[in-house]
Amino acid sequence: MGTPQFIQTPAGERLVVLSEQDYATLLEQAEDHHDIQAADAVRARVDAGEETFPSRVVEALLEGTAPVRVFREYRGLRAGELAERAGISQGYLSEIEASKKTGSLGVLKRIADALDVELSDLT
C-alpha cells in the first residue's frame, strides 16, 4: 500500500486520500474479515451441537418437497416407522407428506420430535 495523504476540510474534518488500488485492497480485506467472522460463528454453532444438513436435504426443501418426507428420508425411516413413533396412522402421514393435509400443530410437533428436528423445520 502506498502512503495515504491526510487533508483537512475548511470545516475541520480530517480526510484520508488513498489510491484507488489501496481502496480496493482495503475493501477486499474488510470483506474477507466479515466472511471469516461469519464462518467462525457458524463453526461455533456446529461445535456447540447444532445439526447441519447436507445440500441434498436443502435442495429438496427448496424444490418444494414436503419437509416431513425430506426429513423422514434423511433419517432413513420408513413411513410406517415414523407414523408409529409419532402416534399417527400411516395413511395420515402419507396425506401430510403429499400435502393433502397440513396436520395439526400437535401432530406436527410429534412428528418433529420423532424426526429430531425443530417444529419450524416442518412448517
Protein backbone atom coordinates (compact mmCIF):
# COMPACT_ATOMS: atom_id res chain seq x y z
CA MET A 1 0.00 0.00 0.00
CA GLY A 2 1.10 3.48 -0.76
CA THR A 3 1.33 6.26 1.76
CA PRO A 4 -2.04 7.91 2.35
CA GLN A 5 -2.48 11.63 2.21
CA PHE A 6 -4.26 13.46 5.00
CA ILE A 7 -6.18 16.64 4.31
CA GLN A 8 -8.37 18.83 6.44
CA THR A 9 -11.56 20.40 5.14
CA PRO A 10 -12.46 24.03 5.89
CA ALA A 11 -14.93 22.65 8.47
CA GLY A 12 -12.08 20.89 10.27
CA GLU A 13 -12.89 17.34 9.18
CA ARG A 14 -9.82 15.19 8.54
CA LEU A 15 -9.92 13.10 5.37
CA VAL A 16 -7.64 10.36 4.10
CA VAL A 17 -6.86 10.16 0.40
CA LEU A 18 -5.87 6.72 -0.91
CA SER A 19 -5.09 5.40 -4.32
CA GLU A 20 -7.95 3.51 -5.96
CA GLN A 21 -5.90 0.30 -5.73
CA ASP A 22 -5.30 0.80 -1.99
CA TYR A 23 -9.01 1.48 -1.50
CA ALA A 24 -9.92 -1.72 -3.40
CA THR A 25 -7.42 -3.69 -1.29
CA LEU A 26 -8.92 -2.36 1.95
CA LEU A 27 -12.44 -3.25 0.77
CA GLU A 28 -11.32 -6.78 -0.08
CA GLN A 29 -9.68 -7.18 3.33
CA ALA A 30 -12.82 -5.93 5.05
CA GLU A 31 -14.95 -8.42 3.10
CA ASP A 32 -12.54 -11.24 3.97
CA HIS A 33 -12.72 -10.26 7.64
CA HIS A 34 -16.53 -10.29 7.54
CA ASP A 35 -16.54 -13.73 5.84
CA ILE A 36 -14.13 -15.12 8.44
CA GLN A 37 -16.33 -13.80 11.28
CA ALA A 38 -19.43 -15.36 9.70
CA ALA A 39 -17.65 -18.70 9.23
CA ASP A 40 -16.40 -18.61 12.82
CA ALA A 41 -19.96 -18.00 14.06
CA VAL A 42 -21.26 -20.99 12.09
CA ARG A 43 -18.40 -23.18 13.29
CA ALA A 44 -19.17 -22.20 16.91
CA ARG A 45 -22.83 -23.20 16.47
CA VAL A 46 -21.82 -26.55 14.95
CA ASP A 47 -19.25 -27.11 17.71
CA ALA A 48 -21.99 -26.38 20.24
CA GLY A 49 -24.03 -29.23 18.77
CA GLU A 50 -26.26 -27.56 16.19
CA GLU A 51 -27.07 -30.04 13.47
CA THR A 52 -26.29 -29.28 9.86
CA PHE A 53 -27.90 -30.88 6.85
CA PRO A 54 -26.35 -31.93 3.54
CA SER A 55 -27.09 -29.97 0.39
CA ARG A 56 -29.43 -32.69 -0.92
CA VAL A 57 -31.77 -32.00 2.03
CA VAL A 58 -31.68 -28.27 1.45
CA GLU A 59 -32.21 -28.69 -2.30
CA ALA A 60 -35.21 -30.97 -1.76
CA LEU A 61 -36.77 -28.43 0.57
CA LEU A 62 -36.12 -25.61 -1.90
CA GLU A 63 -37.68 -27.68 -4.68
CA GLY A 64 -40.88 -27.90 -2.65
CA THR A 65 -40.73 -31.49 -1.44
CA ALA A 66 -42.78 -31.85 1.75
CA PRO A 67 -40.46 -31.24 4.72
CA VAL A 68 -41.83 -34.24 6.62
CA ARG A 69 -40.88 -36.52 3.72
CA VAL A 70 -37.47 -34.87 3.28
CA PHE A 71 -36.51 -35.29 6.93
CA ARG A 72 -38.03 -38.79 7.17
CA GLU A 73 -35.97 -39.96 4.22
CA TYR A 74 -32.89 -38.18 5.57
CA ARG A 75 -33.29 -40.00 8.88
CA GLY A 76 -33.66 -43.28 6.98
CA LEU A 77 -37.13 -44.06 8.31
CA ARG A 78 -39.93 -45.84 6.52
CA ALA A 79 -43.28 -44.08 6.61
CA GLY A 80 -44.71 -46.74 8.92
CA GLU A 81 -41.86 -46.28 11.39
CA LEU A 82 -42.35 -42.53 11.55
CA ALA A 83 -46.11 -42.85 11.84
CA GLU A 84 -45.70 -45.26 14.74
CA ARG A 85 -43.17 -43.02 16.52
CA ALA A 86 -45.46 -40.01 16.08
CA GLY A 87 -48.56 -41.93 17.15
CA ILE A 88 -50.50 -41.37 13.91
CA SER A 89 -51.72 -43.62 11.14
CA GLN A 90 -49.52 -44.26 8.15
CA GLY A 91 -52.34 -43.01 5.93
CA TYR A 92 -52.48 -39.69 7.77
CA LEU A 93 -48.70 -39.34 7.46
CA SER A 94 -48.98 -40.09 3.75
CA GLU A 95 -51.55 -37.32 3.35
CA ILE A 96 -49.27 -34.87 5.17
CA GLU A 97 -46.30 -35.85 3.01
CA ALA A 98 -48.44 -35.47 -0.13
CA SER A 99 -49.59 -32.02 1.08
CA LYS A 100 -53.22 -33.23 1.06
CA LYS A 101 -53.45 -32.38 4.76
CA THR A 102 -51.43 -29.93 6.79
CA GLY A 103 -51.56 -31.76 10.09
CA SER A 104 -52.48 -30.13 13.36
CA LEU A 105 -49.88 -28.33 15.41
CA GLY A 106 -49.85 -31.19 17.92
CA VAL A 107 -49.33 -33.81 15.23
CA LEU A 108 -46.57 -31.79 13.56
CA LYS A 109 -44.87 -31.37 16.94
CA ARG A 110 -44.95 -35.14 17.49
CA ILE A 111 -43.56 -35.72 14.01
CA ALA A 112 -40.82 -33.14 14.62
CA ASP A 113 -39.93 -34.86 17.90
CA ALA A 114 -39.84 -38.26 16.17
CA LEU A 115 -37.57 -36.86 13.47
CA ASP A 116 -35.42 -34.95 15.98
CA VAL A 117 -35.93 -31.64 14.18
CA GLU A 118 -37.45 -28.32 15.19
CA LEU A 119 -41.15 -27.79 14.54
CA SER A 120 -40.16 -24.80 12.41
CA ASP A 121 -38.22 -27.15 10.13
CA LEU A 122 -41.51 -28.77 9.14
CA THR A 123 -43.59 -25.63 8.66
